[in-house]
Amino acid sequence: MGRRREEKVDEEELARLMSSEGGASKIRVKMPNTKVNEMFAIAENILGGRRVTVLCADGETRMARIPGKMRRRQWVREGDLIIVWPWDFQDAKADVKHRYTKTQSIYLSRKGALPKDVDIFGMNAMTDDFDDEDGLFSNESDIPSPKSEPPVEEVKAETEEEDDDDEDLDALFS
């Protein structure tokens, strides 16, 4: 069997979607109907037999069913943004209603329409996962100049706390 090709972002389409100079043409991207409990989801695993495991916007992992109409026309792959409709009588299962292209997914992410649980397409997901506690990647304006020294009061406060910790340890082990 041949390899499936990776879906690529159409840069021209994304630029057209992001530009506000559209004029008379309006940009339409299907959104989930919250009145009937539809929500965004990310396809995690393709299980076979028209089934896929999805991570929904409410944080739940559900098994979703791909309808035949959609299965024949659009392939759902791992990592795709989709709209699912959870079942009323069995909350652990859902139906897939729509699949977004990669370009549409990035557009929705940049517009801020996606919840944090399913926003893996935009720049926000990169900054949320990365913690720069050491300040290695901070801007030059954030870095203090080498000539400036920390205030004396802060240094004294730190040494007093260390002395208290040493006294507590000595009292514990004596």
C-alpha atoms as a PDB file:
ATOM      1  CA  MET A   1       0.000   0.000   0.000  1.00  0.00           C
ATOM      2  CA  GLY A   2       1.291   3.475  -0.813  1.00  0.00           C
ATOM      3  CA  ARG A   3       2.037   6.132   1.738  1.00  0.00           C
ATOM      4  CA  ARG A   4      -0.469   8.875   2.238  1.00  0.00           C
ATOM      5  CA  ARG A   5       0.873  12.299   1.510  1.00  0.00           C
ATOM      6  CA  GLU A   6       0.973  14.898   4.261  1.00  0.00           C
ATOM      7  CA  GLU A   7      -1.598  17.650   3.980  1.00  0.00           C
ATOM      8  CA  LYS A   8       0.133  20.977   3.439  1.00  0.00           C
ATOM      9  CA  VAL A   9      -0.921  24.477   4.409  1.00  0.00           C
ATOM     10  CA  ASP A  10      -2.058  26.595   1.473  1.00  0.00           C
ATOM     11  CA  GLU A  11      -0.214  29.845   2.199  1.00  0.00           C
ATOM     12  CA  GLU A  12      -2.264  31.882  -0.299  1.00  0.00           C
ATOM     13  CA  GLU A  13      -5.542  30.671   1.164  1.00  0.00           C
ATOM     14  CA  LEU A  14      -4.344  31.376   4.706  1.00  0.00           C
ATOM     15  CA  ALA A  15      -3.242  34.888   3.722  1.00  0.00           C
ATOM     16  CA  ARG A  16      -6.660  35.488   2.131  1.00  0.00           C
ATOM     17  CA  LEU A  17      -8.416  34.232   5.254  1.00  0.00           C
ATOM     18  CA  MET A  18      -6.289  36.376   7.568  1.00  0.00           C
ATOM     19  CA  SER A  19      -6.497  39.591   5.515  1.00  0.00           C
ATOM     20  CA  SER A  20      -9.196  42.015   6.592  1.00  0.00           C
ATOM     21  CA  GLU A  21      -9.328  43.655   3.159  1.00  0.00           C
ATOM     22  CA  GLY A  22     -11.719  41.022   1.806  1.00  0.00           C
ATOM     23  CA  GLY A  23     -14.255  43.674   0.875  1.00  0.00           C
ATOM     24  CA  ALA A  24     -17.481  42.139  -0.402  1.00  0.00           C
ATOM     25  CA  SER A  25     -16.348  38.520  -0.035  1.00  0.00           C
ATOM     26  CA  LYS A  26     -16.913  37.087   3.428  1.00  0.00           C
ATOM     27  CA  ILE A  27     -14.916  34.254   4.880  1.00  0.00           C
ATOM     28  CA  ARG A  28     -16.980  31.352   6.104  1.00  0.00           C
ATOM     29  CA  VAL A  29     -15.657  28.514   8.170  1.00  0.00           C
ATOM     30  CA  LYS A  30     -18.104  26.049   9.665  1.00  0.00           C
ATOM     31  CA  MET A  31     -18.363  26.341  13.439  1.00  0.00           C
ATOM     32  CA  PRO A  32     -19.822  23.780  15.853  1.00  0.00           C
ATOM     33  CA  ASN A  33     -23.473  24.282  16.772  1.00  0.00           C
ATOM     34  CA  THR A  34     -23.366  24.522  20.569  1.00  0.00           C
ATOM     35  CA  LYS A  35     -27.170  24.351  20.796  1.00  0.00           C
ATOM     36  CA  VAL A  36     -27.068  20.682  19.835  1.00  0.00           C
ATOM     37  CA  ASN A  37     -23.871  20.012  21.844  1.00  0.00           C
ATOM     38  CA  GLU A  38     -21.408  19.893  18.930  1.00  0.00           C
ATOM     39  CA  MET A  39     -17.780  20.686  19.841  1.00  0.00           C
ATOM     40  CA  PHE A  40     -14.238  20.822  18.500  1.00  0.00           C
ATOM     41  CA  ALA A  41     -12.052  17.731  18.830  1.00  0.00           C
ATOM     42  CA  ILE A  42      -8.657  16.415  17.750  1.00  0.00           C
ATOM     43  CA  ALA A  43      -8.367  12.951  16.167  1.00  0.00           C
ATOM     44  CA  GLU A  44      -5.883  11.021  18.312  1.00  0.00           C
ATOM     45  CA  ASN A  45      -5.924   7.427  17.048  1.00  0.00           C
ATOM     46  CA  ILE A  46      -7.472   5.826  13.988  1.00  0.00           C
ATOM     47  CA  LEU A  47      -8.822   2.534  15.283  1.00  0.00           C
ATOM     48  CA  GLY A  48     -10.163   1.072  12.033  1.00  0.00           C
ATOM     49  CA  GLY A  49     -13.719   0.047  11.224  1.00  0.00           C
ATOM     50  CA  ARG A  50     -14.828   3.680  10.849  1.00  0.00           C
ATOM     51  CA  ARG A  51     -13.824   4.455  14.426  1.00  0.00           C
ATOM     52  CA  VAL A  52     -11.439   7.074  15.807  1.00  0.00           C
ATOM     53  CA  THR A  53     -10.416   8.122  19.318  1.00  0.00           C
ATOM     54  CA  VAL A  54     -10.830  11.873  19.786  1.00  0.00           C
ATOM     55  CA  LEU A  55      -9.846  14.419  22.438  1.00  0.00           C
ATOM     56  CA  CYS A  56     -12.815  16.761  22.796  1.00  0.00           C
ATOM     57  CA  ALA A  57     -12.862  20.429  23.799  1.00  0.00           C
ATOM     58  CA  ASP A  58     -14.367  19.540  27.192  1.00  0.00           C
ATOM     59  CA  GLY A  59     -11.256  17.461  28.026  1.00  0.00           C
ATOM     60  CA  GLU A  60     -12.920  14.050  27.575  1.00  0.00           C
ATOM     61  CA  THR A  61     -11.557  11.300  25.337  1.00  0.00           C
ATOM     62  CA  ARG A  62     -14.316   9.683  23.286  1.00  0.00           C
ATOM     63  CA  MET A  63     -14.630   7.030  20.637  1.00  0.00           C
ATOM     64  CA  ALA A  64     -16.134   8.662  17.550  1.00  0.00           C
ATOM     65  CA  ARG A  65     -17.777   7.059  14.549  1.00  0.00           C
ATOM     66  CA  ILE A  66     -17.055   8.359  11.036  1.00  0.00           C
ATOM     67  CA  PRO A  67     -20.211   8.265   8.876  1.00  0.00           C
ATOM     68  CA  GLY A  68     -20.003   6.580   5.478  1.00  0.00           C
ATOM     69  CA  LYS A  69     -20.741   9.794   3.605  1.00  0.00           C
ATOM     70  CA  MET A  70     -17.705  11.448   5.168  1.00  0.00           C
ATOM     71  CA  ARG A  71     -15.499   8.375   4.977  1.00  0.00           C
ATOM     72  CA  ARG A  72     -15.794   8.197   1.204  1.00  0.00           C
ATOM     73  CA  ARG A  73     -15.156  11.892   0.526  1.00  0.00           C
ATOM     74  CA  GLN A  74     -12.784  13.069   3.255  1.00  0.00           C
ATOM     75  CA  TRP A  75     -10.168  11.084   5.080  1.00  0.00           C
ATOM     76  CA  VAL A  76      -9.839  11.744   8.803  1.00  0.00           C
ATOM     77  CA  ARG A  77      -6.212  11.439   9.896  1.00  0.00           C
ATOM     78  CA  GLU A  78      -4.455  11.604  13.246  1.00  0.00           C
ATOM     79  CA  GLY A  79      -4.048  15.200  14.406  1.00  0.00           C
ATOM     80  CA  ASP A  80      -6.951  16.580  12.341  1.00  0.00           C
ATOM     81  CA  LEU A  81      -9.304  19.164  13.812  1.00  0.00           C
ATOM     82  CA  ILE A  82     -12.887  17.910  13.588  1.00  0.00           C
ATOM     83  CA  ILE A  83     -16.369  18.677  14.892  1.00  0.00           C
ATOM     84  CA  VAL A  84     -17.950  15.882  16.926  1.00  0.00           C
ATOM     85  CA  TRP A  85     -21.429  15.406  18.309  1.00  0.00           C
ATOM     86  CA  PRO A  86     -21.441  13.408  21.606  1.00  0.00           C
ATOM     87  CA  TRP A  87     -24.243  10.920  22.027  1.00  0.00           C
ATOM     88  CA  ASP A  88     -26.939  11.853  24.552  1.00  0.00           C
ATOM     89  CA  PHE A  89     -27.383   8.338  25.928  1.00  0.00           C
ATOM     90  CA  GLN A  90     -23.721   7.261  25.984  1.00  0.00           C
ATOM     91  CA  ASP A  91     -21.291  10.082  26.763  1.00  0.00           C
ATOM     92  CA  ALA A  92     -18.157   8.054  25.925  1.00  0.00           C
ATOM     93  CA  LYS A  93     -19.100   7.929  22.212  1.00  0.00           C
ATOM     94  CA  ALA A  94     -19.650  10.551  19.519  1.00  0.00           C
ATOM     95  CA  ASP A  95     -20.270  11.081  15.801  1.00  0.00           C
ATOM     96  CA  VAL A  96     -17.887  12.988  13.521  1.00  0.00           C
ATOM     97  CA  LYS A  97     -19.723  15.821  11.761  1.00  0.00           C
ATOM     98  CA  HIS A  98     -17.014  17.806   9.920  1.00  0.00           C
ATOM     99  CA  ARG A  99     -13.270  17.774   9.240  1.00  0.00           C
ATOM    100  CA  TYR A 100     -11.246  20.967   8.837  1.00  0.00           C
ATOM    101  CA  THR A 101      -8.332  21.317   6.458  1.00  0.00           C
ATOM    102  CA  LYS A 102      -4.980  22.259   7.934  1.00  0.00           C
ATOM    103  CA  THR A 103      -5.355  25.804   6.560  1.00  0.00           C
ATOM    104  CA  GLN A 104      -8.767  26.232   8.198  1.00  0.00           C
ATOM    105  CA  SER A 105      -7.412  24.830  11.479  1.00  0.00           C
ATOM    106  CA  ILE A 106      -4.566  27.328  11.597  1.00  0.00           C
ATOM    107  CA  TYR A 107      -6.971  30.153  10.736  1.00  0.00           C
ATOM    108  CA  LEU A 108      -9.305  29.209  13.612  1.00  0.00           C
ATOM    109  CA  SER A 109      -6.351  28.928  15.970  1.00  0.00           C
ATOM    110  CA  ARG A 110      -4.992  32.362  15.077  1.00  0.00           C
ATOM    111  CA  LYS A 111      -8.439  33.914  15.459  1.00  0.00           C
ATOM    112  CA  GLY A 112      -8.707  32.431  18.961  1.00  0.00           C
ATOM    113  CA  ALA A 113     -11.809  30.359  18.225  1.00  0.00           C
ATOM    114  CA  LEU A 114     -10.326  27.084  19.503  1.00  0.00           C
ATOM    115  CA  PRO A 115     -10.380  26.067  23.188  1.00  0.00           C
ATOM    116  CA  LYS A 116      -7.017  25.466  24.880  1.00  0.00           C
ATOM    117  CA  ASP A 117      -7.489  21.670  24.975  1.00  0.00           C
ATOM    118  CA  VAL A 118      -7.594  21.361  21.184  1.00  0.00           C
ATOM    119  CA  ASP A 119      -5.446  24.333  20.106  1.00  0.00           C
ATOM    120  CA  ILE A 120      -2.372  22.552  18.743  1.00  0.00           C
ATOM    121  CA  PHE A 121      -2.165  24.455  15.465  1.00  0.00           C
ATOM    122  CA  GLY A 122      -1.258  28.024  16.372  1.00  0.00           C
ATOM    123  CA  MET A 123       1.599  29.832  17.987  1.00  0.00           C
ATOM    124  CA  ASN A 124      -0.153  29.844  21.373  1.00  0.00           C
ATOM    125  CA  ALA A 125       0.362  26.114  21.870  1.00  0.00           C
ATOM    126  CA  MET A 126       4.124  26.517  21.517  1.00  0.00           C
ATOM    127  CA  THR A 127       4.361  29.201  24.199  1.00  0.00           C
ATOM    128  CA  ASP A 128       2.095  27.332  26.636  1.00  0.00           C
ATOM    129  CA  ASP A 129       4.217  24.157  26.597  1.00  0.00           C
ATOM    130  CA  PHE A 130       7.544  25.960  26.955  1.00  0.00           C
ATOM    131  CA  ASP A 131       8.677  27.176  30.362  1.00  0.00           C
ATOM    132  CA  ASP A 132      11.710  29.452  30.400  1.00  0.00           C
ATOM    133  CA  GLU A 133      12.436  29.495  34.110  1.00  0.00           C
ATOM    134  CA  ASP A 134      16.166  30.092  33.673  1.00  0.00           C
ATOM    135  CA  GLY A 135      15.690  33.092  31.404  1.00  0.00           C
ATOM    136  CA  LEU A 136      17.961  31.637  28.743  1.00  0.00           C
ATOM    137  CA  PHE A 137      15.733  32.763  25.896  1.00  0.00           C
ATOM    138  CA  SER A 138      14.599  36.121  27.203  1.00  0.00           C
ATOM    139  CA  ASN A 139      14.919  39.392  25.315  1.00  0.00           C
ATOM    140  CA  GLU A 140      18.050  41.475  25.730  1.00  0.00           C
ATOM    141  CA  SER A 141      16.011  44.215  27.371  1.00  0.00           C
ATOM    142  CA  ASP A 142      14.962  41.754  30.099  1.00  0.00           C
ATOM    143  CA  ILE A 143      18.552  40.816  30.968  1.00  0.00           C
ATOM    144  CA  PRO A 144      20.124  43.076  33.619  1.00  0.00           C
ATOM    145  CA  SER A 145      23.379  44.740  32.659  1.00  0.00           C
ATOM    146  CA  PRO A 146      26.505  43.175  34.165  1.00  0.00           C
ATOM    147  CA  LYS A 147      27.389  46.383  36.042  1.00  0.00           C
ATOM    148  CA  SER A 148      24.167  46.434  38.052  1.00  0.00           C
ATOM    149  CA  GLU A 149      24.095  44.354  41.221  1.00  0.00           C
ATOM    150  CA  PRO A 150      21.031  43.106  43.080  1.00  0.00           C
ATOM    151  CA  PRO A 151      19.824  45.309  45.930  1.00  0.00           C
ATOM    152  CA  VAL A 152      21.433  44.632  49.289  1.00  0.00           C
ATOM    153  CA  GLU A 153      18.099  44.059  51.074  1.00  0.00           C
ATOM    154  CA  GLU A 154      17.183  41.099  48.860  1.00  0.00           C
ATOM    155  CA  VAL A 155      20.561  39.443  49.443  1.00  0.00           C
ATOM    156  CA  LYS A 156      20.199  39.791  53.228  1.00  0.00           C
ATOM    157  CA  ALA A 157      16.689  38.305  53.125  1.00  0.00           C
ATOM    158  CA  GLU A 158      17.942  35.249  51.230  1.00  0.00           C
ATOM    159  CA  THR A 159      20.814  34.616  53.658  1.00  0.00           C
ATOM    160  CA  GLU A 160      18.513  34.927  56.680  1.00  0.00           C
ATOM    161  CA  GLU A 161      16.172  32.272  55.213  1.00  0.00           C
ATOM    162  CA  GLU A 162      19.111  29.912  54.617  1.00  0.00           C
ATOM    163  CA  ASP A 163      20.303  30.381  58.233  1.00  0.00           C
ATOM    164  CA  ASP A 164      16.812  29.525  59.532  1.00  0.00           C
ATOM    165  CA  ASP A 165      16.784  26.331  57.447  1.00  0.00           C
ATOM    166  CA  ASP A 166      20.206  25.305  58.796  1.00  0.00           C
ATOM    167  CA  GLU A 167      19.056  25.866  62.391  1.00  0.00           C
ATOM    168  CA  ASP A 168      15.910  23.769  61.794  1.00  0.00           C
ATOM    169  CA  LEU A 169      18.018  20.910  60.404  1.00  0.00           C
ATOM    170  CA  ASP A 170      20.471  21.090  63.310  1.00  0.00           C
ATOM    171  CA  ALA A 171      17.621  20.974  65.815  1.00  0.00           C
ATOM    172  CA  LEU A 172      16.074  18.014  64.026  1.00  0.00           C
ATOM    173  CA  PHE A 173      19.199  15.862  63.982  1.00  0.00           C
ATOM    174  CA  SER A 174      20.741  16.824  67.353  1.00  0.00           C
END
